[in-house]
N, C-alpha and C. Protein backbone atom coordinates (compact mmCIF):
# COMPACT_ATOMS: atom_id res chain seq x y z
N MET A 1 6.51 36.37 -18.10
CA MET A 1 6.53 37.44 -17.11
C MET A 1 6.65 36.83 -15.71
N SER A 2 7.47 37.45 -14.88
CA SER A 2 7.67 36.96 -13.52
C SER A 2 6.42 37.14 -12.68
N ARG A 3 6.21 36.19 -11.79
CA ARG A 3 5.11 36.30 -10.85
C ARG A 3 5.67 36.81 -9.54
N ILE A 4 5.04 37.85 -8.97
CA ILE A 4 5.48 38.44 -7.71
C ILE A 4 4.29 38.46 -6.77
N VAL A 5 4.51 37.96 -5.57
CA VAL A 5 3.48 37.93 -4.54
C VAL A 5 3.99 38.71 -3.33
N LEU A 6 3.16 39.60 -2.82
CA LEU A 6 3.45 40.33 -1.59
C LEU A 6 2.62 39.71 -0.47
N PHE A 7 3.27 39.42 0.64
CA PHE A 7 2.62 38.73 1.76
C PHE A 7 2.92 39.47 3.05
N ASN A 8 1.90 39.68 3.87
CA ASN A 8 2.10 40.25 5.20
C ASN A 8 2.28 39.08 6.17
N LYS A 9 3.54 38.78 6.47
CA LYS A 9 3.87 37.64 7.32
C LYS A 9 3.52 37.95 8.77
N PRO A 10 2.63 37.14 9.36
CA PRO A 10 2.32 37.35 10.77
C PRO A 10 3.47 36.94 11.69
N TYR A 11 3.43 37.44 12.89
CA TYR A 11 4.36 37.03 13.94
C TYR A 11 4.26 35.52 14.13
N GLY A 12 5.40 34.86 14.30
CA GLY A 12 5.41 33.43 14.59
C GLY A 12 5.38 32.52 13.38
N VAL A 13 5.36 33.08 12.17
CA VAL A 13 5.31 32.29 10.95
C VAL A 13 6.70 32.23 10.33
N LEU A 14 7.11 31.05 9.89
CA LEU A 14 8.40 30.88 9.22
C LEU A 14 8.34 31.46 7.81
N SER A 15 9.48 31.93 7.31
CA SER A 15 9.57 32.48 5.95
C SER A 15 9.91 31.37 4.95
N GLN A 16 9.24 30.25 5.07
CA GLN A 16 9.47 29.11 4.18
C GLN A 16 8.18 28.32 4.06
N PHE A 17 8.12 27.48 3.04
CA PHE A 17 6.91 26.68 2.80
C PHE A 17 6.91 25.35 3.54
N THR A 18 8.05 24.95 4.08
CA THR A 18 8.14 23.68 4.79
C THR A 18 7.95 23.93 6.28
N PRO A 19 6.98 23.24 6.90
CA PRO A 19 6.75 23.45 8.33
C PRO A 19 7.87 22.85 9.18
N GLU A 20 8.05 23.43 10.35
CA GLU A 20 8.95 22.89 11.37
C GLU A 20 8.15 22.81 12.65
N ALA A 21 8.55 21.93 13.52
CA ALA A 21 7.82 21.68 14.77
C ALA A 21 7.51 22.98 15.51
N GLY A 22 6.24 23.17 15.80
CA GLY A 22 5.82 24.31 16.60
C GLY A 22 5.65 25.62 15.86
N HIS A 23 5.90 25.65 14.56
CA HIS A 23 5.79 26.91 13.80
C HIS A 23 4.91 26.74 12.58
N ARG A 24 4.14 27.77 12.30
CA ARG A 24 3.37 27.82 11.07
C ARG A 24 4.31 28.21 9.93
N CYS A 25 3.88 27.93 8.69
CA CYS A 25 4.72 28.26 7.54
C CYS A 25 3.89 28.89 6.43
N LEU A 26 4.55 29.33 5.37
CA LEU A 26 3.90 30.03 4.28
C LEU A 26 2.82 29.21 3.59
N ALA A 27 2.99 27.89 3.56
CA ALA A 27 2.03 27.01 2.88
C ALA A 27 0.62 27.14 3.47
N GLU A 28 0.51 27.54 4.72
CA GLU A 28 -0.80 27.72 5.35
C GLU A 28 -1.55 28.94 4.82
N PHE A 29 -0.82 29.85 4.16
CA PHE A 29 -1.40 31.13 3.76
C PHE A 29 -1.45 31.34 2.25
N ILE A 30 -0.45 30.83 1.53
CA ILE A 30 -0.28 31.18 0.12
C ILE A 30 -0.39 29.92 -0.74
N PRO A 31 -1.51 29.74 -1.46
CA PRO A 31 -1.70 28.55 -2.28
C PRO A 31 -1.18 28.70 -3.72
N VAL A 32 -0.04 29.37 -3.86
CA VAL A 32 0.52 29.63 -5.18
C VAL A 32 1.74 28.73 -5.35
N PRO A 33 1.69 27.79 -6.29
CA PRO A 33 2.84 26.89 -6.46
C PRO A 33 4.00 27.56 -7.19
N GLY A 34 5.21 27.09 -6.89
CA GLY A 34 6.39 27.51 -7.63
C GLY A 34 6.96 28.86 -7.28
N ILE A 35 6.55 29.45 -6.16
CA ILE A 35 7.14 30.73 -5.75
C ILE A 35 7.98 30.50 -4.49
N TYR A 36 8.94 31.39 -4.30
CA TYR A 36 9.84 31.28 -3.16
C TYR A 36 10.12 32.66 -2.60
N ALA A 37 10.41 32.71 -1.31
CA ALA A 37 10.68 33.98 -0.64
C ALA A 37 11.98 34.58 -1.16
N ALA A 38 11.94 35.87 -1.45
CA ALA A 38 13.13 36.63 -1.84
C ALA A 38 13.63 37.34 -0.59
N GLY A 39 14.40 36.62 0.20
CA GLY A 39 14.83 37.12 1.50
C GLY A 39 13.99 36.48 2.59
N ARG A 40 14.33 36.79 3.81
CA ARG A 40 13.65 36.17 4.94
C ARG A 40 13.26 37.24 5.96
N LEU A 41 12.34 36.86 6.80
CA LEU A 41 12.02 37.62 8.01
C LEU A 41 12.08 36.61 9.15
N ASP A 42 12.68 37.00 10.26
CA ASP A 42 12.72 36.11 11.41
C ASP A 42 11.31 35.74 11.84
N THR A 43 11.19 34.62 12.49
CA THR A 43 9.88 34.15 12.96
C THR A 43 9.19 35.20 13.83
N ASP A 44 9.97 35.92 14.64
CA ASP A 44 9.37 36.89 15.55
C ASP A 44 9.29 38.30 14.95
N SER A 45 9.51 38.41 13.64
CA SER A 45 9.30 39.68 12.94
C SER A 45 8.06 39.54 12.05
N GLU A 46 7.48 40.68 11.71
CA GLU A 46 6.24 40.70 10.94
C GLU A 46 6.45 41.54 9.69
N GLY A 47 5.45 41.46 8.80
CA GLY A 47 5.42 42.40 7.70
C GLY A 47 5.73 41.81 6.35
N LEU A 48 6.20 42.69 5.46
CA LEU A 48 6.29 42.39 4.05
C LEU A 48 7.34 41.32 3.73
N LEU A 49 6.85 40.30 3.04
CA LEU A 49 7.71 39.27 2.47
C LEU A 49 7.37 39.24 0.98
N VAL A 50 8.39 39.37 0.13
CA VAL A 50 8.20 39.33 -1.31
C VAL A 50 8.56 37.93 -1.78
N LEU A 51 7.68 37.34 -2.58
CA LEU A 51 7.91 36.01 -3.14
C LEU A 51 7.83 36.08 -4.65
N THR A 52 8.58 35.22 -5.33
CA THR A 52 8.57 35.22 -6.79
C THR A 52 8.90 33.84 -7.33
N ASP A 53 8.57 33.65 -8.60
CA ASP A 53 8.93 32.40 -9.29
C ASP A 53 10.16 32.61 -10.18
N ASP A 54 10.75 33.80 -10.13
CA ASP A 54 11.88 34.17 -10.98
C ASP A 54 13.15 34.18 -10.14
N GLY A 55 14.05 33.23 -10.41
CA GLY A 55 15.28 33.11 -9.64
C GLY A 55 16.16 34.34 -9.69
N ARG A 56 16.27 34.97 -10.86
CA ARG A 56 17.09 36.19 -10.97
C ARG A 56 16.50 37.33 -10.15
N LEU A 57 15.19 37.47 -10.22
CA LEU A 57 14.53 38.52 -9.44
C LEU A 57 14.68 38.23 -7.94
N GLN A 58 14.53 36.99 -7.57
CA GLN A 58 14.70 36.60 -6.16
C GLN A 58 16.10 37.00 -5.68
N GLN A 59 17.12 36.73 -6.49
CA GLN A 59 18.50 37.10 -6.15
C GLN A 59 18.65 38.61 -6.07
N ARG A 60 18.06 39.32 -7.00
CA ARG A 60 18.15 40.79 -7.04
C ARG A 60 17.55 41.42 -5.79
N ILE A 61 16.43 40.86 -5.33
CA ILE A 61 15.76 41.39 -4.14
C ILE A 61 16.53 41.05 -2.88
N ALA A 62 16.99 39.82 -2.77
CA ALA A 62 17.59 39.32 -1.53
C ALA A 62 19.05 39.69 -1.33
N ASP A 63 19.82 39.83 -2.39
CA ASP A 63 21.26 40.01 -2.27
C ASP A 63 21.63 41.44 -1.88
N PRO A 64 22.33 41.63 -0.75
CA PRO A 64 22.70 42.97 -0.30
C PRO A 64 23.59 43.73 -1.28
N GLN A 65 24.29 43.04 -2.19
CA GLN A 65 25.16 43.76 -3.13
C GLN A 65 24.37 44.68 -4.05
N HIS A 66 23.06 44.43 -4.20
CA HIS A 66 22.23 45.28 -5.05
C HIS A 66 21.70 46.51 -4.31
N LYS A 67 21.90 46.52 -2.99
CA LYS A 67 21.56 47.67 -2.14
C LYS A 67 20.10 48.11 -2.28
N LEU A 68 19.21 47.16 -2.44
CA LEU A 68 17.78 47.45 -2.51
C LEU A 68 17.33 47.87 -1.10
N PRO A 69 16.74 49.05 -0.94
CA PRO A 69 16.36 49.50 0.40
C PRO A 69 15.24 48.64 1.00
N LYS A 70 15.40 48.35 2.27
CA LYS A 70 14.39 47.62 3.03
C LYS A 70 14.01 48.49 4.23
N THR A 71 12.72 48.81 4.32
CA THR A 71 12.23 49.73 5.35
C THR A 71 11.58 48.96 6.47
N TYR A 72 12.00 49.26 7.70
CA TYR A 72 11.48 48.58 8.89
C TYR A 72 10.90 49.60 9.85
N TRP A 73 9.84 49.20 10.54
CA TRP A 73 9.32 49.96 11.67
C TRP A 73 9.66 49.16 12.91
N ALA A 74 10.40 49.78 13.82
CA ALA A 74 10.83 49.09 15.04
C ALA A 74 10.27 49.82 16.25
N GLN A 75 9.53 49.08 17.06
CA GLN A 75 9.10 49.61 18.35
C GLN A 75 10.19 49.23 19.34
N VAL A 76 10.81 50.24 19.94
CA VAL A 76 11.96 49.99 20.81
C VAL A 76 11.66 50.39 22.24
N GLU A 77 12.44 49.81 23.13
CA GLU A 77 12.33 50.12 24.55
C GLU A 77 13.03 51.45 24.80
N GLY A 78 12.37 52.33 25.55
CA GLY A 78 12.95 53.63 25.85
C GLY A 78 12.71 54.62 24.73
N GLU A 79 13.29 55.81 24.91
CA GLU A 79 13.15 56.88 23.92
C GLU A 79 14.53 57.25 23.40
N PRO A 80 14.86 56.80 22.19
CA PRO A 80 16.20 57.04 21.65
C PRO A 80 16.55 58.52 21.55
N THR A 81 17.77 58.83 21.94
CA THR A 81 18.28 60.19 21.85
C THR A 81 18.75 60.47 20.42
N ASP A 82 19.02 61.73 20.14
CA ASP A 82 19.59 62.09 18.84
C ASP A 82 20.93 61.37 18.64
N GLU A 83 21.69 61.23 19.71
CA GLU A 83 22.99 60.55 19.63
C GLU A 83 22.81 59.08 19.24
N ALA A 84 21.83 58.41 19.83
CA ALA A 84 21.58 57.00 19.49
C ALA A 84 21.17 56.87 18.02
N LEU A 85 20.33 57.78 17.55
CA LEU A 85 19.91 57.75 16.14
C LEU A 85 21.10 58.00 15.22
N GLN A 86 21.98 58.92 15.62
CA GLN A 86 23.16 59.20 14.81
C GLN A 86 24.08 57.98 14.75
N GLN A 87 24.21 57.25 15.85
CA GLN A 87 25.02 56.02 15.84
C GLN A 87 24.45 55.02 14.84
N LEU A 88 23.13 54.90 14.79
CA LEU A 88 22.51 54.00 13.82
C LEU A 88 22.79 54.47 12.40
N ARG A 89 22.61 55.77 12.16
CA ARG A 89 22.74 56.34 10.81
C ARG A 89 24.14 56.24 10.23
N GLN A 90 25.13 56.52 11.06
CA GLN A 90 26.50 56.62 10.53
C GLN A 90 27.12 55.27 10.23
N GLY A 91 26.54 54.20 10.72
CA GLY A 91 27.14 52.89 10.51
C GLY A 91 28.34 52.72 11.42
N GLY A 92 29.06 51.64 11.20
CA GLY A 92 30.24 51.39 12.02
C GLY A 92 29.94 50.71 13.34
N LEU A 93 28.68 50.29 13.56
CA LEU A 93 28.37 49.56 14.79
C LEU A 93 28.94 48.15 14.67
N ASP A 94 29.80 47.79 15.60
CA ASP A 94 30.41 46.46 15.59
C ASP A 94 29.46 45.49 16.27
N LEU A 95 28.86 44.62 15.48
CA LEU A 95 27.90 43.65 16.02
C LEU A 95 28.54 42.27 16.19
N GLY A 96 29.86 42.22 16.22
CA GLY A 96 30.56 40.97 16.45
C GLY A 96 30.96 40.28 15.17
N ASP A 97 29.98 39.84 14.39
CA ASP A 97 30.29 39.13 13.15
C ASP A 97 30.33 40.05 11.93
N PHE A 98 29.95 41.31 12.10
CA PHE A 98 30.06 42.30 11.03
C PHE A 98 29.91 43.69 11.62
N VAL A 99 30.30 44.69 10.81
CA VAL A 99 30.16 46.10 11.18
C VAL A 99 29.12 46.70 10.24
N THR A 100 28.18 47.44 10.80
CA THR A 100 27.07 47.96 10.00
C THR A 100 27.53 49.06 9.04
N ARG A 101 26.78 49.17 7.94
CA ARG A 101 26.96 50.26 6.99
C ARG A 101 26.02 51.39 7.40
N PRO A 102 26.23 52.59 6.86
CA PRO A 102 25.29 53.67 7.14
C PRO A 102 23.87 53.29 6.71
N CYS A 103 22.89 53.85 7.41
CA CYS A 103 21.49 53.60 7.09
C CYS A 103 20.69 54.86 7.41
N GLU A 104 19.42 54.81 7.14
CA GLU A 104 18.53 55.90 7.54
C GLU A 104 17.83 55.46 8.82
N ALA A 105 17.69 56.37 9.75
CA ALA A 105 17.00 56.07 11.01
C ALA A 105 16.34 57.34 11.52
N ALA A 106 15.06 57.25 11.84
CA ALA A 106 14.32 58.42 12.32
C ALA A 106 13.23 57.97 13.28
N ARG A 107 12.92 58.84 14.22
CA ARG A 107 11.76 58.62 15.10
C ARG A 107 10.50 58.84 14.27
N ILE A 108 9.49 58.01 14.51
CA ILE A 108 8.20 58.19 13.84
C ILE A 108 7.10 57.95 14.87
N ASP A 109 5.90 58.41 14.55
CA ASP A 109 4.74 58.04 15.34
C ASP A 109 4.42 56.59 15.02
N GLU A 110 3.63 55.95 15.88
CA GLU A 110 3.20 54.59 15.56
C GLU A 110 2.55 54.62 14.18
N PRO A 111 2.97 53.73 13.29
CA PRO A 111 2.45 53.76 11.92
C PRO A 111 0.92 53.65 11.87
N ALA A 112 0.31 54.49 11.06
CA ALA A 112 -1.14 54.48 10.89
C ALA A 112 -1.57 53.14 10.31
N GLY A 113 -2.65 52.61 10.82
CA GLY A 113 -3.20 51.37 10.29
C GLY A 113 -2.46 50.12 10.74
N LEU A 114 -1.50 50.26 11.65
CA LEU A 114 -0.76 49.10 12.13
C LEU A 114 -1.69 48.19 12.94
N TRP A 115 -1.68 46.94 12.61
CA TRP A 115 -2.52 45.95 13.27
C TRP A 115 -1.96 45.61 14.65
N PRO A 116 -2.81 45.14 15.56
CA PRO A 116 -2.30 44.68 16.85
C PRO A 116 -1.50 43.40 16.67
N ARG A 117 -0.44 43.25 17.43
CA ARG A 117 0.35 42.03 17.32
C ARG A 117 -0.29 40.94 18.17
N ASP A 118 -0.23 39.72 17.66
CA ASP A 118 -0.76 38.56 18.38
C ASP A 118 0.37 37.53 18.50
N PRO A 119 0.91 37.33 19.69
CA PRO A 119 0.54 37.93 20.97
C PRO A 119 1.09 39.35 21.11
N PRO A 120 0.50 40.13 22.01
CA PRO A 120 0.98 41.50 22.21
C PRO A 120 2.41 41.51 22.74
N ILE A 121 3.12 42.62 22.52
CA ILE A 121 4.46 42.74 23.08
C ILE A 121 4.35 42.88 24.59
N ARG A 122 5.43 42.56 25.28
CA ARG A 122 5.43 42.76 26.73
C ARG A 122 5.46 44.26 26.98
N SER A 123 4.76 44.69 27.99
CA SER A 123 4.80 46.11 28.31
C SER A 123 5.10 46.27 29.79
N ARG A 124 5.85 47.33 30.06
CA ARG A 124 6.19 47.64 31.45
C ARG A 124 5.75 49.08 31.72
N LYS A 125 5.05 49.26 32.80
CA LYS A 125 4.46 50.56 33.13
C LYS A 125 5.45 51.71 33.11
N HIS A 126 6.64 51.48 33.63
CA HIS A 126 7.56 52.59 33.86
C HIS A 126 8.64 52.73 32.79
N ILE A 127 8.53 51.95 31.74
CA ILE A 127 9.50 52.08 30.64
C ILE A 127 8.73 52.42 29.37
N PRO A 128 8.95 53.64 28.86
CA PRO A 128 8.24 54.04 27.64
C PRO A 128 8.80 53.29 26.42
N THR A 129 8.05 53.35 25.35
CA THR A 129 8.53 52.80 24.08
C THR A 129 8.44 53.89 23.02
N ALA A 130 9.16 53.69 21.93
CA ALA A 130 9.16 54.63 20.81
C ALA A 130 9.21 53.83 19.52
N TRP A 131 8.81 54.47 18.43
CA TRP A 131 8.86 53.85 17.10
C TRP A 131 9.96 54.51 16.28
N LEU A 132 10.71 53.68 15.56
CA LEU A 132 11.73 54.15 14.64
C LEU A 132 11.44 53.60 13.26
N GLU A 133 11.80 54.36 12.24
CA GLU A 133 11.82 53.85 10.88
C GLU A 133 13.28 53.72 10.49
N ILE A 134 13.67 52.52 10.10
CA ILE A 134 15.06 52.23 9.75
C ILE A 134 15.07 51.68 8.32
N VAL A 135 15.91 52.27 7.47
CA VAL A 135 16.04 51.82 6.08
C VAL A 135 17.46 51.30 5.90
N LEU A 136 17.56 50.00 5.61
CA LEU A 136 18.84 49.34 5.40
C LEU A 136 19.04 49.03 3.92
N ARG A 137 20.29 48.94 3.52
CA ARG A 137 20.62 48.48 2.18
C ARG A 137 21.53 47.26 2.26
N GLU A 138 21.47 46.63 3.40
CA GLU A 138 22.14 45.36 3.65
C GLU A 138 21.15 44.54 4.45
N GLY A 139 21.43 43.32 4.75
CA GLY A 139 20.45 42.54 5.48
C GLY A 139 21.07 41.35 6.15
N LYS A 140 21.68 41.58 7.27
CA LYS A 140 22.31 40.50 8.03
C LYS A 140 21.29 39.91 9.02
N ASN A 141 21.62 38.76 9.56
CA ASN A 141 20.74 38.07 10.49
C ASN A 141 20.39 38.94 11.70
N ARG A 142 19.09 39.17 11.89
CA ARG A 142 18.56 39.92 13.03
C ARG A 142 19.21 41.31 13.18
N GLN A 143 19.56 41.91 12.05
CA GLN A 143 20.34 43.14 12.06
C GLN A 143 19.68 44.31 12.78
N VAL A 144 18.42 44.60 12.47
CA VAL A 144 17.77 45.75 13.12
C VAL A 144 17.71 45.53 14.62
N ARG A 145 17.33 44.36 15.05
CA ARG A 145 17.27 44.06 16.49
C ARG A 145 18.63 44.24 17.16
N ARG A 146 19.67 43.77 16.50
CA ARG A 146 21.01 43.86 17.06
C ARG A 146 21.49 45.31 17.09
N MET A 147 21.16 46.08 16.06
CA MET A 147 21.57 47.48 16.01
C MET A 147 20.90 48.30 17.11
N THR A 148 19.60 48.14 17.26
CA THR A 148 18.90 48.95 18.28
C THR A 148 19.36 48.56 19.68
N ALA A 149 19.60 47.28 19.90
CA ALA A 149 20.11 46.84 21.21
C ALA A 149 21.49 47.43 21.48
N LYS A 150 22.33 47.49 20.45
CA LYS A 150 23.69 48.01 20.59
C LYS A 150 23.69 49.47 21.03
N VAL A 151 22.68 50.24 20.61
CA VAL A 151 22.61 51.66 21.01
C VAL A 151 21.72 51.85 22.24
N GLY A 152 21.38 50.75 22.92
CA GLY A 152 20.67 50.84 24.20
C GLY A 152 19.16 50.82 24.14
N HIS A 153 18.58 50.42 22.99
CA HIS A 153 17.13 50.42 22.85
C HIS A 153 16.67 49.13 22.18
N PRO A 154 16.54 48.06 22.96
CA PRO A 154 16.13 46.77 22.38
C PRO A 154 14.81 46.88 21.63
N THR A 155 14.73 46.16 20.52
CA THR A 155 13.51 46.11 19.71
C THR A 155 12.50 45.20 20.37
N LEU A 156 11.29 45.71 20.54
CA LEU A 156 10.19 44.93 21.10
C LEU A 156 9.30 44.37 20.00
N ARG A 157 9.17 45.10 18.92
CA ARG A 157 8.34 44.68 17.78
C ARG A 157 9.01 45.17 16.51
N LEU A 158 9.06 44.30 15.49
CA LEU A 158 9.70 44.67 14.24
C LEU A 158 8.80 44.30 13.07
N VAL A 159 8.52 45.32 12.24
CA VAL A 159 7.64 45.16 11.08
C VAL A 159 8.38 45.65 9.85
N ARG A 160 8.50 44.79 8.82
CA ARG A 160 9.08 45.27 7.56
C ARG A 160 7.95 45.89 6.74
N ALA A 161 8.12 47.15 6.38
CA ALA A 161 7.08 47.91 5.68
C ALA A 161 7.28 47.95 4.18
N ALA A 162 8.54 47.82 3.72
CA ALA A 162 8.81 47.93 2.28
C ALA A 162 10.10 47.22 1.92
N VAL A 163 10.13 46.75 0.67
CA VAL A 163 11.34 46.20 0.06
C VAL A 163 11.41 46.83 -1.32
N GLY A 164 12.38 47.74 -1.52
CA GLY A 164 12.46 48.45 -2.79
C GLY A 164 11.12 49.12 -3.10
N PRO A 165 10.56 48.86 -4.27
CA PRO A 165 9.31 49.52 -4.66
C PRO A 165 8.06 48.86 -4.07
N PHE A 166 8.22 47.74 -3.41
CA PHE A 166 7.08 47.00 -2.88
C PHE A 166 6.74 47.47 -1.46
N ARG A 167 5.47 47.74 -1.22
CA ARG A 167 5.01 48.27 0.08
C ARG A 167 3.94 47.36 0.66
N ILE A 168 3.87 47.33 1.98
CA ILE A 168 2.88 46.49 2.65
C ILE A 168 1.47 47.07 2.52
N GLU A 169 1.39 48.40 2.49
CA GLU A 169 0.13 49.12 2.33
C GLU A 169 -0.97 48.55 3.21
N ALA A 170 -2.11 48.15 2.65
CA ALA A 170 -3.26 47.75 3.45
C ALA A 170 -3.34 46.25 3.72
N LEU A 171 -2.32 45.49 3.34
CA LEU A 171 -2.36 44.04 3.60
C LEU A 171 -2.38 43.78 5.10
N GLN A 172 -3.30 42.99 5.53
CA GLN A 172 -3.38 42.60 6.94
C GLN A 172 -2.57 41.32 7.15
N PRO A 173 -2.19 41.00 8.40
CA PRO A 173 -1.41 39.79 8.65
C PRO A 173 -2.09 38.56 8.03
N GLY A 174 -1.30 37.77 7.28
CA GLY A 174 -1.81 36.57 6.64
C GLY A 174 -2.39 36.80 5.25
N GLU A 175 -2.52 38.06 4.83
CA GLU A 175 -3.06 38.35 3.50
C GLU A 175 -1.92 38.48 2.49
N TRP A 176 -2.24 38.16 1.23
CA TRP A 176 -1.28 38.28 0.14
C TRP A 176 -1.98 38.82 -1.09
N GLN A 177 -1.16 39.36 -2.00
CA GLN A 177 -1.68 39.84 -3.28
C GLN A 177 -0.56 39.77 -4.31
N GLU A 178 -0.95 39.68 -5.56
CA GLU A 178 0.04 39.71 -6.64
C GLU A 178 0.42 41.16 -6.89
N ALA A 179 1.66 41.36 -7.31
CA ALA A 179 2.17 42.72 -7.55
C ALA A 179 2.51 42.90 -9.02
N GLU A 180 2.39 44.12 -9.47
CA GLU A 180 2.72 44.47 -10.86
C GLU A 180 4.07 45.15 -10.96
N ALA A 181 4.56 45.70 -9.86
CA ALA A 181 5.78 46.49 -9.90
C ALA A 181 6.98 45.66 -10.34
N THR A 182 7.98 46.37 -10.85
CA THR A 182 9.22 45.71 -11.23
C THR A 182 10.37 46.42 -10.54
N ILE A 183 11.52 45.80 -10.61
CA ILE A 183 12.72 46.40 -10.01
C ILE A 183 13.65 46.81 -11.12
N ASP A 184 14.16 48.04 -11.02
CA ASP A 184 15.10 48.55 -12.03
C ASP A 184 16.43 47.84 -11.94
C-alpha cells in the first residue's frame, strides 16, 4: 500500500529534502524516509504539500495531464472586479511562456482558521486586500501569482488548501500527517 503524507509547508521552506543556502527544507519537519513531494510549492507559498513513496501516484498527482484540481487561497492587492475574476475564469491569459486554461475563481472571506504568516505580508494603509479561491487543473511555475498580477491584483500571500481529495484542514504550519485517501 502506498504511503501518503500531507504536510503544511510553512513560508520560506523548500519543497525538497535537500537544503540550500539560506532556506529550510522538508527534512527539518518530516522524519519519514523514502517519500518525495508530488508537485512543488514555491518557497514563498504556503500550505498543502502531498508526499508519497509511490512513483506512479506521485506522477498522477503532479502531472497536469491528469487535471487533478489544486485549490489555492490568494490574498491579493486591491479588490478584484467581476471583470478581473471573469478574465481568470475564462483562461486565455497570455503569461509569456504559456496561455492559461479556464479555472475557477471566486472572492472569499479570509479562510477560517488561517494561521498568521511569519513573516507577515507587507501592508499599506490605503490599499485594501481581498481573498480569492482559485482552482487550477494545470500547474505552471508561479502560475497563480502571475495570473493575479496579469489582471491587476498582485498576490501578497498564497496558500494551497487542497490537491484533489487531500485537504489541509487543521494542519498548522510545519505539521504533517499520514493520509488514507486515494485518487481515482
